[in-house]
Protein backbone atom coordinates (compact mmCIF):
# COMPACT_ATOMS: atom_id res chain seq x y z
CA MET A 1 -21.18 178.68 -145.51
CA ASP A 2 -19.75 175.26 -145.98
CA SER A 3 -19.27 171.92 -144.24
CA PRO A 4 -17.27 168.75 -144.93
CA LEU A 5 -20.48 166.87 -144.13
CA LEU A 6 -22.07 168.14 -147.33
CA PHE A 7 -19.84 165.70 -149.23
CA PRO A 8 -18.23 163.47 -146.59
CA VAL A 9 -16.94 160.93 -149.12
CA LYS A 10 -14.83 161.92 -152.14
CA LEU A 11 -13.54 160.13 -155.20
CA GLU A 12 -9.90 161.00 -155.82
CA GLY A 13 -8.34 159.14 -158.72
CA SER A 14 -8.25 155.45 -157.88
CA GLN A 15 -9.07 155.97 -154.22
CA ILE A 16 -12.01 156.95 -152.04
CA ARG A 17 -11.50 159.43 -149.24
CA VAL A 18 -13.96 159.03 -146.37
CA LEU A 19 -14.40 161.61 -143.64
CA ASP A 20 -14.16 159.73 -140.34
CA GLU A 21 -17.31 160.98 -138.68
CA THR A 22 -16.48 159.17 -135.47
CA GLN A 23 -13.52 161.58 -135.00
CA ILE A 24 -15.55 164.77 -135.34
CA PRO A 25 -15.55 167.31 -133.66
CA PHE A 26 -12.08 166.66 -132.34
CA LYS A 27 -10.37 165.89 -135.65
CA GLU A 28 -11.18 166.07 -139.35
CA GLU A 29 -9.49 162.96 -140.59
CA TYR A 30 -10.04 160.99 -143.78
CA ILE A 31 -9.82 157.25 -144.33
CA THR A 32 -8.33 156.05 -147.60
CA VAL A 33 -10.36 153.30 -149.20
CA ASP A 34 -8.74 151.30 -152.04
CA THR A 35 -10.48 147.97 -151.74
CA LEU A 36 -14.08 146.83 -151.48
CA GLY A 37 -13.26 145.16 -148.16
CA LYS A 38 -12.08 148.46 -146.72
CA ALA A 39 -15.27 150.16 -147.95
CA LEU A 40 -17.41 147.52 -146.23
CA TRP A 41 -15.47 148.01 -143.02
CA VAL A 42 -15.96 151.77 -143.15
CA LEU A 43 -19.71 151.15 -143.57
CA SER A 44 -20.07 148.67 -140.71
CA ALA A 45 -17.89 150.67 -138.35
CA MET A 46 -20.18 153.74 -138.69
CA LYS A 47 -17.35 155.87 -140.12
CA THR A 48 -19.87 157.44 -142.49
CA ARG A 49 -23.63 157.43 -142.67
CA SER A 50 -26.62 158.93 -144.41
CA LEU A 51 -25.43 160.61 -147.65
CA GLY A 52 -21.94 159.25 -147.02
CA GLN A 53 -23.30 155.74 -147.45
CA VAL A 54 -24.71 156.71 -150.81
CA LEU A 55 -21.47 158.26 -151.98
CA LEU A 56 -19.41 155.35 -150.69
CA PHE A 57 -21.62 152.92 -152.59
CA PHE A 58 -21.53 154.84 -155.86
CA TYR A 59 -17.76 155.34 -155.74
CA SER A 60 -17.19 151.71 -154.77
CA CYS A 61 -19.11 150.70 -157.88
CA VAL A 62 -16.90 152.98 -159.95
CA LEU A 63 -13.58 151.69 -158.59
CA PHE A 64 -14.33 148.02 -158.07
CA SER A 65 -16.65 147.24 -161.01
CA ASP A 66 -13.82 145.40 -162.77
CA LYS A 67 -14.06 142.69 -160.09
CA PHE A 68 -17.65 142.93 -158.89
CA SER A 69 -20.92 143.79 -160.52
CA ILE A 70 -23.10 146.64 -159.26
CA ASP A 71 -25.55 144.06 -157.97
CA GLN A 72 -22.83 142.14 -156.14
CA ILE A 73 -21.60 145.30 -154.47
CA SER A 74 -25.11 146.38 -153.47
CA GLU A 75 -25.74 142.96 -151.89
CA LYS A 76 -22.51 143.16 -149.85
CA PHE A 77 -23.44 146.68 -148.70
CA LYS A 78 -26.92 145.55 -147.77
CA GLN A 79 -25.46 142.77 -145.61
CA LYS A 80 -23.61 145.42 -143.60
CA ARG A 81 -26.45 147.96 -143.37
CA PRO A 82 -29.74 146.12 -143.98
CA THR A 83 -31.99 149.10 -143.28
CA PHE A 84 -30.56 151.17 -146.16
CA ASP A 85 -31.88 150.53 -149.65
CA PHE A 86 -28.67 149.77 -151.50
CA LEU A 87 -30.48 147.50 -153.96
CA PHE A 88 -32.53 150.46 -155.20
CA LEU A 89 -29.41 152.59 -155.44
CA ALA A 90 -27.99 149.86 -157.68
CA GLN A 91 -31.01 150.18 -159.96
CA ILE A 92 -30.46 153.95 -160.21
CA LEU A 93 -26.80 153.59 -160.99
CA LYS A 94 -27.34 150.90 -163.62
CA GLY A 95 -29.97 153.06 -165.30
CA GLN A 96 -27.70 156.08 -165.34
CA THR A 97 -24.83 154.01 -166.67
CA GLN A 98 -26.98 152.79 -169.57
CA LYS A 99 -27.68 156.41 -170.45
CA THR A 100 -24.07 157.62 -170.29
CA GLY A 101 -22.27 154.45 -171.25
CA ASP A 102 -19.68 155.09 -168.55
CA ILE A 103 -20.09 154.22 -164.83
CA ARG A 104 -17.81 157.03 -163.60
CA SER A 105 -19.64 159.71 -165.56
CA ALA A 106 -22.99 158.21 -164.42
CA ALA A 107 -22.03 158.32 -160.77
CA LEU A 108 -20.57 161.80 -160.80
CA GLY A 109 -23.40 163.19 -162.85
CA PHE A 110 -26.03 161.70 -160.58
CA ILE A 111 -24.34 163.03 -157.41
CA SER A 112 -24.02 166.55 -158.84
CA GLY A 113 -27.65 166.57 -159.84
CA PHE A 114 -28.74 165.13 -156.51
CA ASP A 115 -27.03 167.99 -154.63
CA LYS A 116 -28.95 170.55 -156.68
CA LEU A 117 -32.17 168.69 -155.81
CA ARG A 118 -31.23 168.83 -152.13
CA GLN A 119 -30.88 172.60 -152.35
CA ALA A 120 -34.22 172.85 -154.12
CA ARG A 121 -35.83 170.69 -151.42
CA ALA A 122 -34.43 172.99 -148.70
CA ALA A 123 -36.01 175.94 -150.48
CA ARG A 124 -39.42 174.23 -150.58
CA LEU A 125 -39.21 173.33 -146.91
CA ALA A 126 -38.26 176.92 -145.99
CA GLN A 127 -41.54 178.08 -147.41
CA MET A 128 -43.44 175.71 -145.09
CA LEU A 129 -41.72 176.72 -141.85
CA PRO A 130 -42.71 179.54 -139.46
CA ALA A 131 -41.30 183.04 -139.88
CA GLN A 132 -39.56 182.54 -136.49
CA ALA A 133 -38.65 178.89 -136.74
CA SER A 134 -37.42 176.95 -133.72
CA ILE A 135 -36.45 173.71 -135.42
CA LEU A 136 -35.86 170.48 -133.53
CA THR A 137 -33.75 167.90 -135.34
CA ILE A 138 -32.24 164.49 -134.48
CA CYS A 139 -29.12 162.87 -135.82
CA ASN A 140 -27.59 164.52 -138.93
CA VAL A 141 -28.75 165.25 -142.48
CA ASN A 142 -25.38 165.86 -144.10
CA GLY A 143 -25.24 169.61 -144.52
CA GLU A 144 -28.84 170.08 -145.58
CA LEU A 145 -29.69 172.12 -142.52
CA ILE A 146 -27.17 174.70 -143.81
CA TYR A 147 -29.07 174.72 -147.09
CA LEU A 148 -32.26 175.15 -145.15
CA TYR A 149 -30.87 178.04 -143.09
CA GLN A 150 -29.68 179.84 -146.24
CA ALA A 151 -33.10 179.31 -147.87
CA LEU A 152 -34.84 180.74 -144.81
CA GLU A 153 -32.55 183.77 -144.87
CA ARG A 154 -33.41 184.41 -148.53
CA ILE A 155 -37.10 184.76 -147.70
CA SER A 156 -36.42 186.83 -144.54
CA LYS A 157 -37.26 184.13 -142.04
CA LYS A 158 -35.41 183.59 -138.80
CA ALA A 159 -34.27 180.19 -137.54
CA LYS A 160 -32.63 178.53 -134.60
CA PHE A 161 -31.98 174.85 -134.30
CA ILE A 162 -32.60 172.62 -131.26
CA VAL A 163 -30.29 169.64 -131.70
CA CYS A 164 -30.86 166.33 -129.94
CA GLU A 165 -27.64 164.65 -128.74
CA THR A 166 -28.67 161.43 -130.52
CA ARG A 167 -27.50 158.58 -128.31
CA PRO A 168 -25.48 156.40 -128.29
CA TYR A 169 -23.24 157.59 -131.12
CA LEU A 170 -24.00 161.23 -130.32
CA GLN A 171 -24.26 162.23 -133.97
CA GLY A 172 -26.33 165.26 -132.93
CA VAL A 173 -23.55 166.49 -130.67
CA ARG A 174 -20.57 165.58 -132.79
CA LEU A 175 -21.95 166.25 -136.24
CA THR A 176 -25.07 168.40 -136.42
CA PHE A 177 -24.30 170.77 -133.56
CA TRP A 178 -20.66 171.08 -134.61
CA GLU A 179 -21.62 171.76 -138.20
CA LEU A 180 -24.14 174.47 -137.38
CA ARG A 181 -21.91 176.18 -134.85
CA LYS A 182 -18.96 176.10 -137.29
CA ASN A 183 -21.12 178.17 -139.67
CA ASN A 184 -22.23 180.59 -136.92
CA ILE A 185 -25.83 179.34 -137.01
CA ASP A 186 -27.87 179.63 -133.84
CA ALA A 187 -28.00 176.11 -132.36
CA ARG A 188 -28.88 174.80 -128.93
CA LEU A 189 -27.92 171.31 -127.80
CA ILE A 190 -30.33 169.22 -125.68
CA CYS A 191 -30.34 165.71 -124.25
CA ASP A 192 -32.66 163.33 -126.04
CA ASN A 193 -34.94 163.10 -122.99
CA GLN A 194 -35.66 166.87 -122.93
CA VAL A 195 -37.84 167.00 -126.04
CA ALA A 196 -41.24 166.70 -124.30
CA ALA A 197 -40.45 169.41 -121.75
CA LEU A 198 -39.37 171.87 -124.46
CA MET A 199 -42.41 171.12 -126.59
CA LYS A 200 -44.69 171.69 -123.61
CA GLU A 201 -42.95 175.05 -122.97
CA LYS A 202 -43.53 175.98 -126.67
CA LYS A 203 -39.79 176.35 -127.31
CA ILE A 204 -40.09 174.16 -130.42
CA ASN A 205 -42.46 174.93 -133.21
CA CYS A 206 -41.42 172.49 -135.92
CA VAL A 207 -39.37 169.25 -136.37
CA VAL A 208 -37.12 168.43 -139.32
CA THR A 209 -35.52 165.04 -139.66
CA GLY A 210 -33.83 163.01 -142.34
CA ALA A 211 -34.88 159.53 -143.47
CA ASP A 212 -32.96 156.46 -144.46
CA ARG A 213 -36.06 154.95 -146.10
CA ALA A 214 -39.58 156.04 -146.88
CA THR A 215 -42.70 154.46 -148.30
CA THR A 216 -45.17 155.91 -150.80
CA LYS A 217 -47.70 155.95 -147.92
CA GLY A 218 -45.54 158.36 -145.97
CA ASP A 219 -43.98 155.97 -143.45
CA VAL A 220 -40.37 156.84 -142.54
CA ILE A 221 -37.41 154.90 -141.19
CA ASN A 222 -34.75 157.00 -139.51
CA LYS A 223 -32.36 157.01 -136.55
CA VAL A 224 -33.91 155.42 -133.47
CA GLY A 225 -35.60 158.14 -131.42
CA THR A 226 -37.32 159.70 -134.42
CA TYR A 227 -40.56 157.79 -133.74
CA SER A 228 -40.83 159.08 -130.16
CA ILE A 229 -40.24 162.64 -131.32
CA ALA A 230 -42.94 162.23 -133.96
CA CYS A 231 -45.39 160.97 -131.32
CA LEU A 232 -44.61 163.95 -129.08
CA ALA A 233 -44.98 166.42 -132.01
CA LYS A 234 -48.37 164.94 -132.80
CA TYR A 235 -49.48 165.28 -129.16
CA PHE A 236 -48.35 168.93 -128.95
CA ASN A 237 -49.66 169.76 -132.46
CA ILE A 238 -46.22 170.60 -133.81
CA PRO A 239 -45.59 169.95 -137.54
CA PHE A 240 -43.15 167.12 -138.27
CA TYR A 241 -41.28 167.19 -141.63
CA SER A 242 -39.14 164.39 -142.95
CA LEU A 243 -36.61 164.88 -145.74
CA THR A 244 -37.07 161.80 -147.93
CA GLN A 245 -35.89 160.55 -151.28
CA TYR A 246 -37.34 157.99 -153.68
CA PRO A 247 -40.13 156.53 -151.55
CA ARG A 248 -41.12 152.98 -152.53
CA ASP A 249 -44.39 151.09 -152.49
CA ILE A 250 -43.32 148.60 -149.87
CA ASP A 251 -44.57 147.20 -146.56
CA VAL A 252 -42.60 149.14 -143.95
CA ASN A 253 -42.80 146.16 -141.54
CA SER A 254 -40.89 144.04 -144.04
CA ILE A 255 -37.75 146.21 -143.76
CA PRO A 256 -35.20 144.74 -141.35
CA ILE A 257 -34.14 147.05 -138.50
CA GLU A 258 -30.42 146.86 -137.90
CA GLU A 259 -29.58 145.66 -134.41
CA ARG A 260 -26.22 146.99 -133.44
CA LEU A 261 -23.83 145.32 -130.99
CA LYS A 262 -24.86 145.83 -127.35
CA ASP A 263 -21.39 147.13 -126.50
CA GLU A 264 -22.09 150.27 -128.54
CA SER A 265 -24.65 151.36 -125.94
CA PHE A 266 -21.72 151.87 -123.51
CA MET A 267 -19.23 153.25 -126.00
CA PHE A 268 -18.57 156.52 -124.19
CA LEU A 269 -18.03 154.93 -120.79
CA GLU A 270 -14.85 153.42 -119.50
CA GLY A 271 -14.74 149.79 -118.53
CA ASP A 272 -15.64 146.36 -119.82
CA PHE A 273 -19.32 146.04 -120.49
CA SER A 274 -19.16 142.86 -122.62
CA GLN A 275 -21.10 140.88 -120.05
CA VAL A 276 -23.83 143.54 -119.55
CA ASP A 277 -27.05 143.22 -121.54
CA ALA A 278 -28.23 146.10 -123.67
CA VAL A 279 -30.55 146.60 -126.64
CA TYR A 280 -29.67 148.93 -129.53
CA PRO A 281 -31.90 148.92 -132.54
CA ALA A 282 -30.22 151.59 -134.72
CA PHE A 283 -33.43 152.72 -136.43
CA ASP A 284 -37.15 152.96 -135.87
CA VAL A 285 -40.30 153.28 -137.97
CA THR A 286 -42.51 156.41 -137.91
CA PRO A 287 -45.93 155.65 -139.35
CA ALA A 288 -47.38 158.16 -141.84
CA LYS A 289 -50.04 159.33 -139.38
CA PHE A 290 -47.36 161.07 -137.34
CA VAL A 291 -45.69 162.73 -140.32
CA THR A 292 -47.00 166.18 -141.36
CA GLU A 293 -45.28 165.98 -144.72
CA CYS A 294 -42.51 164.04 -146.39
CA VAL A 295 -40.50 166.63 -148.30
CA GLU A 296 -39.21 164.62 -151.17
CA ILE A 297 -36.34 164.95 -153.59
CA THR A 298 -38.06 165.63 -156.88
CA GLY A 299 -36.57 165.34 -160.37
CA SER A 300 -35.37 162.69 -162.82
CA ARG A 301 -33.53 159.64 -161.58
C-alpha cells in the first residue's frame, strides 16, 4: 500500500516538488517551487495542507536559509496560515540544526523520524479501536489512515471508513476517499450533513480525525466541521480520537481562526458569486470534554 499523500512535498536538489492537492483525483501534478514567494503562494492557495505544510516549511528553510532566517520564514508562513503553529516548527528545526550542524540533515532526519512515529501512533490507535471498526473521518490526515488500516490488519481487526465530503474544498472526496479506494480499502463517502443519521443508526462506532493544533489540556483545532462531529459523537456515546502532535500549554481561544475568502464557499459552482455574502472559517475548536483521547506523536523532538 502506498499513497502520494504520505509525502506530498519532496525536496529534489535545489527545488521543492509539491503535489497539487487541488487537482486530485483527476490528475497527479506537481508544482515546482524554487523561491520563497512561490512556496508562500502554494501555501495560501491550499495546494498542500496538513503534513504538506510541515514539509513545505522545512524544505523552504533548507533552500532559502541563505536569504532568510528560519524565524523570518516561519513568520511569513504564519501570516499565510495563522492557525498552524509554524513558530513552533521553527523552534524544532533550530534545535535539530544545532545538534547536526547542518540544516538539510536536520530537516531530512526529523522528517524520517517523524514518519516512523506516525506509524507507531497508528499502531497504538489500532489497539484502541473496535474489532469491527466503522471509522468516521473528516478532511485528510496524509496517508495515516493507510498506516492505521495496516495496523488493524496486523492484529486481526476489520475496518471500513466512512468519509465526510468535507466542504467546501471537498478534501474528503478528493483526497481521503480517493486515497483509500486507490489502496482497495473499504470506504464509504457521505455528505457532511449525514453524520447524525448514521450515528443514530449505529453505522459508525468510532471517529478518527487529524489536528492542526492541540493544547496540553486536550483541546483540538482541526478542519471546520470537526467540532460538530465531536458533539454528535459525545451525544451518541461514540469514542472520538484525534491524532495530535506536540500539544502546547496555550489558551486555545488565543489562536486565530483563519477566515478564508467568501468566494471559496462557491468554488464548485459556475457563475460570479463575488457579490454574494458567505462565511468560511477554515477551522474550528473542539474542547477537550468532547475528545475521548488525543493520540499523540511520542518520541524525541
